[in-house]
mmCIF file of all heavy atoms, coordinates in Angstrom:
data_MODEL
# 
_entry.id   MODEL 
# 
loop_
_atom_site.group_PDB 
_atom_site.id 
_atom_site.type_symbol 
_atom_site.label_atom_id 
_atom_site.label_alt_id 
_atom_site.label_comp_id 
_atom_site.label_asym_id 
_atom_site.label_entity_id 
_atom_site.label_seq_id 
_atom_site.pdbx_PDB_ins_code 
_atom_site.Cartn_x 
_atom_site.Cartn_y 
_atom_site.Cartn_z 
_atom_site.occupancy 
_atom_site.B_iso_or_equiv 
_atom_site.pdbx_formal_charge 
_atom_site.auth_seq_id 
_atom_site.auth_comp_id 
_atom_site.auth_asym_id 
_atom_site.auth_atom_id 
_atom_site.pdbx_PDB_model_num 
ATOM 1   N N   . LEU A 1 1  ? -4.045 6.298  17.113 1.00 0.00 ? 1  LEU A N   1 
ATOM 2   C CA  . LEU A 1 1  ? -3.257 7.591  17.192 1.00 0.00 ? 1  LEU A CA  1 
ATOM 3   C C   . LEU A 1 1  ? -4.019 8.597  16.277 1.00 0.00 ? 1  LEU A C   1 
ATOM 4   O O   . LEU A 1 1  ? -4.036 8.398  15.026 1.00 0.00 ? 1  LEU A O   1 
ATOM 5   C CB  . LEU A 1 1  ? -1.819 7.403  16.864 1.00 0.00 ? 1  LEU A CB  1 
ATOM 6   C CG  . LEU A 1 1  ? -1.025 8.685  16.931 1.00 0.00 ? 1  LEU A CG  1 
ATOM 7   C CD1 . LEU A 1 1  ? -1.001 9.209  18.327 1.00 0.00 ? 1  LEU A CD1 1 
ATOM 8   C CD2 . LEU A 1 1  ? 0.398  8.332  16.439 1.00 0.00 ? 1  LEU A CD2 1 
ATOM 9   N N   . ILE A 1 2  ? -4.560 9.636  16.889 1.00 0.00 ? 2  ILE A N   1 
ATOM 10  C CA  . ILE A 1 2  ? -5.241 10.678 16.005 1.00 0.00 ? 2  ILE A CA  1 
ATOM 11  C C   . ILE A 1 2  ? -4.403 11.943 16.030 1.00 0.00 ? 2  ILE A C   1 
ATOM 12  O O   . ILE A 1 2  ? -4.282 12.482 17.169 1.00 0.00 ? 2  ILE A O   1 
ATOM 13  C CB  . ILE A 1 2  ? -6.728 10.875 16.531 1.00 0.00 ? 2  ILE A CB  1 
ATOM 14  C CG1 . ILE A 1 2  ? -7.564 9.635  16.468 1.00 0.00 ? 2  ILE A CG1 1 
ATOM 15  C CG2 . ILE A 1 2  ? -7.388 11.964 15.680 1.00 0.00 ? 2  ILE A CG2 1 
ATOM 16  C CD1 . ILE A 1 2  ? -8.881 9.689  17.042 1.00 0.00 ? 2  ILE A CD1 1 
ATOM 17  N N   . ASP A 1 3  ? -3.969 12.315 14.926 1.00 0.00 ? 3  ASP A N   1 
ATOM 18  C CA  . ASP A 1 3  ? -2.997 13.437 14.923 1.00 0.00 ? 3  ASP A CA  1 
ATOM 19  C C   . ASP A 1 3  ? -3.852 14.794 14.707 1.00 0.00 ? 3  ASP A C   1 
ATOM 20  O O   . ASP A 1 3  ? -4.416 14.949 13.588 1.00 0.00 ? 3  ASP A O   1 
ATOM 21  C CB  . ASP A 1 3  ? -2.008 13.351 13.853 1.00 0.00 ? 3  ASP A CB  1 
ATOM 22  C CG  . ASP A 1 3  ? -0.916 14.333 13.887 1.00 0.00 ? 3  ASP A CG  1 
ATOM 23  O OD1 . ASP A 1 3  ? -1.113 15.477 14.478 1.00 0.00 ? 3  ASP A OD1 1 
ATOM 24  O OD2 . ASP A 1 3  ? 0.224  14.059 13.436 1.00 0.00 ? 3  ASP A OD2 1 
ATOM 25  N N   . GLU A 1 4  ? -4.056 15.543 15.750 1.00 0.00 ? 4  GLU A N   1 
ATOM 26  C CA  . GLU A 1 4  ? -4.996 16.690 15.598 1.00 0.00 ? 4  GLU A CA  1 
ATOM 27  C C   . GLU A 1 4  ? -4.366 17.931 14.837 1.00 0.00 ? 4  GLU A C   1 
ATOM 28  O O   . GLU A 1 4  ? -5.028 18.883 14.498 1.00 0.00 ? 4  GLU A O   1 
ATOM 29  C CB  . GLU A 1 4  ? -5.346 17.282 16.961 1.00 0.00 ? 4  GLU A CB  1 
ATOM 30  C CG  . GLU A 1 4  ? -6.442 16.386 17.724 1.00 0.00 ? 4  GLU A CG  1 
ATOM 31  C CD  . GLU A 1 4  ? -7.775 16.487 17.015 1.00 0.00 ? 4  GLU A CD  1 
ATOM 32  O OE1 . GLU A 1 4  ? -8.111 17.598 16.490 1.00 0.00 ? 4  GLU A OE1 1 
ATOM 33  O OE2 . GLU A 1 4  ? -8.610 15.599 17.132 1.00 0.00 ? 4  GLU A OE2 1 
ATOM 34  N N   . ASP A 1 5  ? -3.112 17.808 14.558 1.00 0.00 ? 5  ASP A N   1 
ATOM 35  C CA  . ASP A 1 5  ? -2.435 18.857 13.828 1.00 0.00 ? 5  ASP A CA  1 
ATOM 36  C C   . ASP A 1 5  ? -2.275 18.447 12.356 1.00 0.00 ? 5  ASP A C   1 
ATOM 37  O O   . ASP A 1 5  ? -1.148 18.060 11.914 1.00 0.00 ? 5  ASP A O   1 
ATOM 38  C CB  . ASP A 1 5  ? -1.054 19.145 14.388 1.00 0.00 ? 5  ASP A CB  1 
ATOM 39  C CG  . ASP A 1 5  ? -0.410 20.438 13.829 1.00 0.00 ? 5  ASP A CG  1 
ATOM 40  O OD1 . ASP A 1 5  ? -1.013 21.037 12.881 1.00 0.00 ? 5  ASP A OD1 1 
ATOM 41  O OD2 . ASP A 1 5  ? 0.615  20.859 14.354 1.00 0.00 ? 5  ASP A OD2 1 
ATOM 42  N N   . GLY A 1 6  ? -3.336 18.527 11.636 1.00 0.00 ? 6  GLY A N   1 
ATOM 43  C CA  . GLY A 1 6  ? -3.374 18.128 10.238 1.00 0.00 ? 6  GLY A CA  1 
ATOM 44  C C   . GLY A 1 6  ? -2.463 18.905 9.342  1.00 0.00 ? 6  GLY A C   1 
ATOM 45  O O   . GLY A 1 6  ? -1.994 18.445 8.261  1.00 0.00 ? 6  GLY A O   1 
ATOM 46  N N   . ARG A 1 7  ? -2.160 20.128 9.778  1.00 0.00 ? 7  ARG A N   1 
ATOM 47  C CA  . ARG A 1 7  ? -1.268 21.015 8.981  1.00 0.00 ? 7  ARG A CA  1 
ATOM 48  C C   . ARG A 1 7  ? 0.087  20.421 8.905  1.00 0.00 ? 7  ARG A C   1 
ATOM 49  O O   . ARG A 1 7  ? 0.765  20.453 7.854  1.00 0.00 ? 7  ARG A O   1 
ATOM 50  C CB  . ARG A 1 7  ? -1.303 22.400 9.526  1.00 0.00 ? 7  ARG A CB  1 
ATOM 51  C CG  . ARG A 1 7  ? -0.403 23.387 8.814  1.00 0.00 ? 7  ARG A CG  1 
ATOM 52  C CD  . ARG A 1 7  ? -0.546 24.743 9.501  1.00 0.00 ? 7  ARG A CD  1 
ATOM 53  N NE  . ARG A 1 7  ? -0.133 24.743 10.935 1.00 0.00 ? 7  ARG A NE  1 
ATOM 54  C CZ  . ARG A 1 7  ? 1.003  24.818 11.428 1.00 0.00 ? 7  ARG A CZ  1 
ATOM 55  N NH1 . ARG A 1 7  ? 2.050  24.932 10.561 1.00 0.00 ? 7  ARG A NH1 1 
ATOM 56  N NH2 . ARG A 1 7  ? 1.244  24.794 12.722 1.00 0.00 ? 7  ARG A NH2 1 
ATOM 57  N N   . VAL A 1 8  ? 0.628  19.882 9.993  1.00 0.00 ? 8  VAL A N   1 
ATOM 58  C CA  . VAL A 1 8  ? 1.961  19.327 10.066 1.00 0.00 ? 8  VAL A CA  1 
ATOM 59  C C   . VAL A 1 8  ? 1.956  17.851 9.938  1.00 0.00 ? 8  VAL A C   1 
ATOM 60  O O   . VAL A 1 8  ? 2.670  17.239 9.172  1.00 0.00 ? 8  VAL A O   1 
ATOM 61  C CB  . VAL A 1 8  ? 2.647  19.786 11.388 1.00 0.00 ? 8  VAL A CB  1 
ATOM 62  C CG1 . VAL A 1 8  ? 4.026  19.188 11.492 1.00 0.00 ? 8  VAL A CG1 1 
ATOM 63  C CG2 . VAL A 1 8  ? 2.703  21.231 11.516 1.00 0.00 ? 8  VAL A CG2 1 
ATOM 64  N N   . GLY A 1 9  ? 1.062  17.139 10.709 1.00 0.00 ? 9  GLY A N   1 
ATOM 65  C CA  . GLY A 1 9  ? 0.820  15.706 10.573 1.00 0.00 ? 9  GLY A CA  1 
ATOM 66  C C   . GLY A 1 9  ? 2.178  14.912 11.009 1.00 0.00 ? 9  GLY A C   1 
ATOM 67  O O   . GLY A 1 9  ? 2.389  13.895 10.424 1.00 0.00 ? 9  GLY A O   1 
ATOM 68  N N   . THR A 1 10 ? 2.833  15.327 12.067 1.00 0.00 ? 10 THR A N   1 
ATOM 69  C CA  . THR A 1 10 ? 4.069  14.661 12.401 1.00 0.00 ? 10 THR A CA  1 
ATOM 70  C C   . THR A 1 10 ? 3.872  13.208 12.729 1.00 0.00 ? 10 THR A C   1 
ATOM 71  O O   . THR A 1 10 ? 4.651  12.447 12.290 1.00 0.00 ? 10 THR A O   1 
ATOM 72  C CB  . THR A 1 10 ? 4.730  15.420 13.692 1.00 0.00 ? 10 THR A CB  1 
ATOM 73  O OG1 . THR A 1 10 ? 4.839  16.788 13.344 1.00 0.00 ? 10 THR A OG1 1 
ATOM 74  C CG2 . THR A 1 10 ? 6.015  14.840 14.020 1.00 0.00 ? 10 THR A CG2 1 
ATOM 75  N N   . SER A 1 11 ? 2.819  12.893 13.512 1.00 0.00 ? 11 SER A N   1 
ATOM 76  C CA  . SER A 1 11 ? 2.575  11.537 13.840 1.00 0.00 ? 11 SER A CA  1 
ATOM 77  C C   . SER A 1 11 ? 2.374  10.659 12.639 1.00 0.00 ? 11 SER A C   1 
ATOM 78  O O   . SER A 1 11 ? 2.788  9.466  12.585 1.00 0.00 ? 11 SER A O   1 
ATOM 79  C CB  . SER A 1 11 ? 1.385  11.419 14.796 1.00 0.00 ? 11 SER A CB  1 
ATOM 80  O OG  . SER A 1 11 ? 1.691  12.138 16.013 1.00 0.00 ? 11 SER A OG  1 
ATOM 81  N N   . LEU A 1 12 ? 1.615  11.135 11.705 1.00 0.00 ? 12 LEU A N   1 
ATOM 82  C CA  . LEU A 1 12 ? 1.360  10.378 10.472 1.00 0.00 ? 12 LEU A CA  1 
ATOM 83  C C   . LEU A 1 12 ? 2.639  10.225 9.746  1.00 0.00 ? 12 LEU A C   1 
ATOM 84  O O   . LEU A 1 12 ? 2.824  9.126  9.083  1.00 0.00 ? 12 LEU A O   1 
ATOM 85  C CB  . LEU A 1 12 ? 0.307  11.189 9.653  1.00 0.00 ? 12 LEU A CB  1 
ATOM 86  C CG  . LEU A 1 12 ? -1.036 11.291 10.224 1.00 0.00 ? 12 LEU A CG  1 
ATOM 87  C CD1 . LEU A 1 12 ? -2.023 12.051 9.323  1.00 0.00 ? 12 LEU A CD1 1 
ATOM 88  C CD2 . LEU A 1 12 ? -1.664 9.950  10.546 1.00 0.00 ? 12 LEU A CD2 1 
ATOM 89  N N   . LYS A 1 13 ? 3.532  11.233 9.746  1.00 0.00 ? 13 LYS A N   1 
ATOM 90  C CA  . LYS A 1 13 ? 4.874  11.047 9.026  1.00 0.00 ? 13 LYS A CA  1 
ATOM 91  C C   . LYS A 1 13 ? 5.716  9.974  9.729  1.00 0.00 ? 13 LYS A C   1 
ATOM 92  O O   . LYS A 1 13 ? 6.385  9.249  9.067  1.00 0.00 ? 13 LYS A O   1 
ATOM 93  C CB  . LYS A 1 13 ? 5.586  12.407 8.949  1.00 0.00 ? 13 LYS A CB  1 
ATOM 94  C CG  . LYS A 1 13 ? 4.897  13.418 8.056  1.00 0.00 ? 13 LYS A CG  1 
ATOM 95  C CD  . LYS A 1 13 ? 5.612  14.785 8.077  1.00 0.00 ? 13 LYS A CD  1 
ATOM 96  C CE  . LYS A 1 13 ? 4.782  15.753 7.262  1.00 0.00 ? 13 LYS A CE  1 
ATOM 97  N NZ  . LYS A 1 13 ? 5.277  17.156 7.327  1.00 0.00 ? 13 LYS A NZ  1 
ATOM 98  N N   . TRP A 1 14 ? 5.621  9.928  10.976 1.00 0.00 ? 14 TRP A N   1 
ATOM 99  C CA  . TRP A 1 14 ? 6.374  8.918  11.705 1.00 0.00 ? 14 TRP A CA  1 
ATOM 100 C C   . TRP A 1 14 ? 5.933  7.550  11.347 1.00 0.00 ? 14 TRP A C   1 
ATOM 101 O O   . TRP A 1 14 ? 6.670  6.652  11.041 1.00 0.00 ? 14 TRP A O   1 
ATOM 102 C CB  . TRP A 1 14 ? 6.088  9.074  13.271 1.00 0.00 ? 14 TRP A CB  1 
ATOM 103 C CG  . TRP A 1 14 ? 7.034  9.999  14.041 1.00 0.00 ? 14 TRP A CG  1 
ATOM 104 C CD1 . TRP A 1 14 ? 7.057  11.341 13.784 1.00 0.00 ? 14 TRP A CD1 1 
ATOM 105 C CD2 . TRP A 1 14 ? 7.979  9.606  14.958 1.00 0.00 ? 14 TRP A CD2 1 
ATOM 106 N NE1 . TRP A 1 14 ? 8.024  11.844 14.703 1.00 0.00 ? 14 TRP A NE1 1 
ATOM 107 C CE2 . TRP A 1 14 ? 8.542  10.840 15.436 1.00 0.00 ? 14 TRP A CE2 1 
ATOM 108 C CE3 . TRP A 1 14 ? 8.346  8.492  15.653 1.00 0.00 ? 14 TRP A CE3 1 
ATOM 109 C CZ2 . TRP A 1 14 ? 9.513  10.830 16.419 1.00 0.00 ? 14 TRP A CZ2 1 
ATOM 110 C CZ3 . TRP A 1 14 ? 9.206  8.502  16.604 1.00 0.00 ? 14 TRP A CZ3 1 
ATOM 111 C CH2 . TRP A 1 14 ? 9.894  9.692  17.040 1.00 0.00 ? 14 TRP A CH2 1 
ATOM 112 N N   . ALA A 1 15 ? 4.556  7.351  11.249 1.00 0.00 ? 15 ALA A N   1 
ATOM 113 C CA  . ALA A 1 15 ? 3.995  6.026  10.941 1.00 0.00 ? 15 ALA A CA  1 
ATOM 114 C C   . ALA A 1 15 ? 4.383  5.655  9.464  1.00 0.00 ? 15 ALA A C   1 
ATOM 115 O O   . ALA A 1 15 ? 4.700  4.508  9.177  1.00 0.00 ? 15 ALA A O   1 
ATOM 116 C CB  . ALA A 1 15 ? 2.449  6.068  11.072 1.00 0.00 ? 15 ALA A CB  1 
ATOM 117 N N   . ALA A 1 16 ? 4.286  6.646  8.568  1.00 0.00 ? 16 ALA A N   1 
ATOM 118 C CA  . ALA A 1 16 ? 4.612  6.302  7.202  1.00 0.00 ? 16 ALA A CA  1 
ATOM 119 C C   . ALA A 1 16 ? 6.128  6.000  7.073  1.00 0.00 ? 16 ALA A C   1 
ATOM 120 O O   . ALA A 1 16 ? 6.461  5.070  6.260  1.00 0.00 ? 16 ALA A O   1 
ATOM 121 C CB  . ALA A 1 16 ? 4.313  7.584  6.300  1.00 0.00 ? 16 ALA A CB  1 
ATOM 122 N N   . ARG A 1 17 ? 7.004  6.715  7.739  1.00 0.00 ? 17 ARG A N   1 
ATOM 123 C CA  . ARG A 1 17 ? 8.411  6.389  7.684  1.00 0.00 ? 17 ARG A CA  1 
ATOM 124 C C   . ARG A 1 17 ? 8.723  5.002  8.221  1.00 0.00 ? 17 ARG A C   1 
ATOM 125 O O   . ARG A 1 17 ? 9.591  4.336  7.668  1.00 0.00 ? 17 ARG A O   1 
ATOM 126 C CB  . ARG A 1 17 ? 9.149  7.453  8.485  1.00 0.00 ? 17 ARG A CB  1 
ATOM 127 C CG  . ARG A 1 17 ? 10.656 7.451  8.285  1.00 0.00 ? 17 ARG A CG  1 
ATOM 128 C CD  . ARG A 1 17 ? 11.417 8.503  8.992  1.00 0.00 ? 17 ARG A CD  1 
ATOM 129 N NE  . ARG A 1 17 ? 10.746 9.825  8.863  1.00 0.00 ? 17 ARG A NE  1 
ATOM 130 C CZ  . ARG A 1 17 ? 10.529 10.700 9.788  1.00 0.00 ? 17 ARG A CZ  1 
ATOM 131 N NH1 . ARG A 1 17 ? 10.972 10.435 11.024 1.00 0.00 ? 17 ARG A NH1 1 
ATOM 132 N NH2 . ARG A 1 17 ? 9.836  11.876 9.630  1.00 0.00 ? 17 ARG A NH2 1 
ATOM 133 N N   . ALA A 1 18 ? 8.024  4.571  9.313  1.00 0.00 ? 18 ALA A N   1 
ATOM 134 C CA  . ALA A 1 18 ? 8.283  3.254  9.958  1.00 0.00 ? 18 ALA A CA  1 
ATOM 135 C C   . ALA A 1 18 ? 7.868  2.188  8.859  1.00 0.00 ? 18 ALA A C   1 
ATOM 136 O O   . ALA A 1 18 ? 8.605  1.205  8.758  1.00 0.00 ? 18 ALA A O   1 
ATOM 137 C CB  . ALA A 1 18 ? 7.481  3.179  11.229 1.00 0.00 ? 18 ALA A CB  1 
ATOM 138 N N   . THR A 1 19 ? 6.765  2.425  8.219  1.00 0.00 ? 19 THR A N   1 
ATOM 139 C CA  . THR A 1 19 ? 6.187  1.442  7.214  1.00 0.00 ? 19 THR A CA  1 
ATOM 140 C C   . THR A 1 19 ? 7.263  1.398  6.083  1.00 0.00 ? 19 THR A C   1 
ATOM 141 O O   . THR A 1 19 ? 7.556  0.233  5.608  1.00 0.00 ? 19 THR A O   1 
ATOM 142 C CB  . THR A 1 19 ? 4.891  1.816  6.717  1.00 0.00 ? 19 THR A CB  1 
ATOM 143 O OG1 . THR A 1 19 ? 3.955  1.877  7.816  1.00 0.00 ? 19 THR A OG1 1 
ATOM 144 C CG2 . THR A 1 19 ? 4.337  0.819  5.745  1.00 0.00 ? 19 THR A CG2 1 
ATOM 145 N N   . GLN A 1 20 ? 7.759  2.505  5.592  1.00 0.00 ? 20 GLN A N   1 
ATOM 146 C CA  . GLN A 1 20 ? 8.743  2.496  4.508  1.00 0.00 ? 20 GLN A CA  1 
ATOM 147 C C   . GLN A 1 20 ? 9.977  1.748  4.857  1.00 0.00 ? 20 GLN A C   1 
ATOM 148 O O   . GLN A 1 20 ? 10.583 1.123  4.020  1.00 0.00 ? 20 GLN A O   1 
ATOM 149 C CB  . GLN A 1 20 ? 9.080  3.903  4.093  1.00 0.00 ? 20 GLN A CB  1 
ATOM 150 C CG  . GLN A 1 20 ? 8.019  4.639  3.383  1.00 0.00 ? 20 GLN A CG  1 
ATOM 151 C CD  . GLN A 1 20 ? 8.278  6.084  3.227  1.00 0.00 ? 20 GLN A CD  1 
ATOM 152 O OE1 . GLN A 1 20 ? 9.283  6.612  3.789  1.00 0.00 ? 20 GLN A OE1 1 
ATOM 153 N NE2 . GLN A 1 20 ? 7.476  6.874  2.479  1.00 0.00 ? 20 GLN A NE2 1 
ATOM 154 N N   . ARG A 1 21 ? 10.407 1.714  6.102  1.00 0.00 ? 21 ARG A N   1 
ATOM 155 C CA  . ARG A 1 21 ? 11.563 1.139  6.557  1.00 0.00 ? 21 ARG A CA  1 
ATOM 156 C C   . ARG A 1 21 ? 11.301 -0.376 6.970  1.00 0.00 ? 21 ARG A C   1 
ATOM 157 O O   . ARG A 1 21 ? 12.222 -1.003 7.547  1.00 0.00 ? 21 ARG A O   1 
ATOM 158 C CB  . ARG A 1 21 ? 12.183 1.836  7.735  1.00 0.00 ? 21 ARG A CB  1 
ATOM 159 C CG  . ARG A 1 21 ? 12.639 3.252  7.297  1.00 0.00 ? 21 ARG A CG  1 
ATOM 160 C CD  . ARG A 1 21 ? 13.312 3.992  8.459  1.00 0.00 ? 21 ARG A CD  1 
ATOM 161 N NE  . ARG A 1 21 ? 13.778 5.313  7.900  1.00 0.00 ? 21 ARG A NE  1 
ATOM 162 C CZ  . ARG A 1 21 ? 14.433 6.147  8.661  1.00 0.00 ? 21 ARG A CZ  1 
ATOM 163 N NH1 . ARG A 1 21 ? 14.687 5.946  9.891  1.00 0.00 ? 21 ARG A NH1 1 
ATOM 164 N NH2 . ARG A 1 21 ? 14.794 7.323  8.112  1.00 0.00 ? 21 ARG A NH2 1 
ATOM 165 N N   . GLY A 1 22 ? 10.149 -0.868 6.751  1.00 0.00 ? 22 GLY A N   1 
ATOM 166 C CA  . GLY A 1 22 ? 9.828  -2.258 6.995  1.00 0.00 ? 22 GLY A CA  1 
ATOM 167 C C   . GLY A 1 22 ? 9.493  -2.554 8.369  1.00 0.00 ? 22 GLY A C   1 
ATOM 168 O O   . GLY A 1 22 ? 9.541  -3.744 8.818  1.00 0.00 ? 22 GLY A O   1 
ATOM 169 N N   . CYS A 1 23 ? 9.111  -1.618 9.218  1.00 0.00 ? 23 CYS A N   1 
ATOM 170 C CA  . CYS A 1 23 ? 8.743  -1.738 10.547 1.00 0.00 ? 23 CYS A CA  1 
ATOM 171 C C   . CYS A 1 23 ? 7.439  -1.018 10.762 1.00 0.00 ? 23 CYS A C   1 
ATOM 172 O O   . CYS A 1 23 ? 7.427  -0.001 11.500 1.00 0.00 ? 23 CYS A O   1 
ATOM 173 C CB  . CYS A 1 23 ? 9.858  -1.163 11.473 1.00 0.00 ? 23 CYS A CB  1 
ATOM 174 S SG  . CYS A 1 23 ? 9.593  -1.524 13.188 1.00 0.00 ? 23 CYS A SG  1 
ATOM 175 N N   . PRO A 1 24 ? 6.343  -1.556 10.225 1.00 0.00 ? 24 PRO A N   1 
ATOM 176 C CA  . PRO A 1 24 ? 5.019  -0.770 10.408 1.00 0.00 ? 24 PRO A CA  1 
ATOM 177 C C   . PRO A 1 24 ? 4.548  -0.726 11.779 1.00 0.00 ? 24 PRO A C   1 
ATOM 178 O O   . PRO A 1 24 ? 4.872  -1.567 12.624 1.00 0.00 ? 24 PRO A O   1 
ATOM 179 C CB  . PRO A 1 24 ? 4.113  -1.540 9.446  1.00 0.00 ? 24 PRO A CB  1 
ATOM 180 C CG  . PRO A 1 24 ? 4.671  -3.016 9.439  1.00 0.00 ? 24 PRO A CG  1 
ATOM 181 C CD  . PRO A 1 24 ? 6.202  -2.803 9.571  1.00 0.00 ? 24 PRO A CD  1 
# 
């Protein structure tokens, strides 16, 4: 998954949140 909107980075935030919740 390559998030082309680096300013917002929504996809990256989703991935980070999933990892923090123990579901990477």
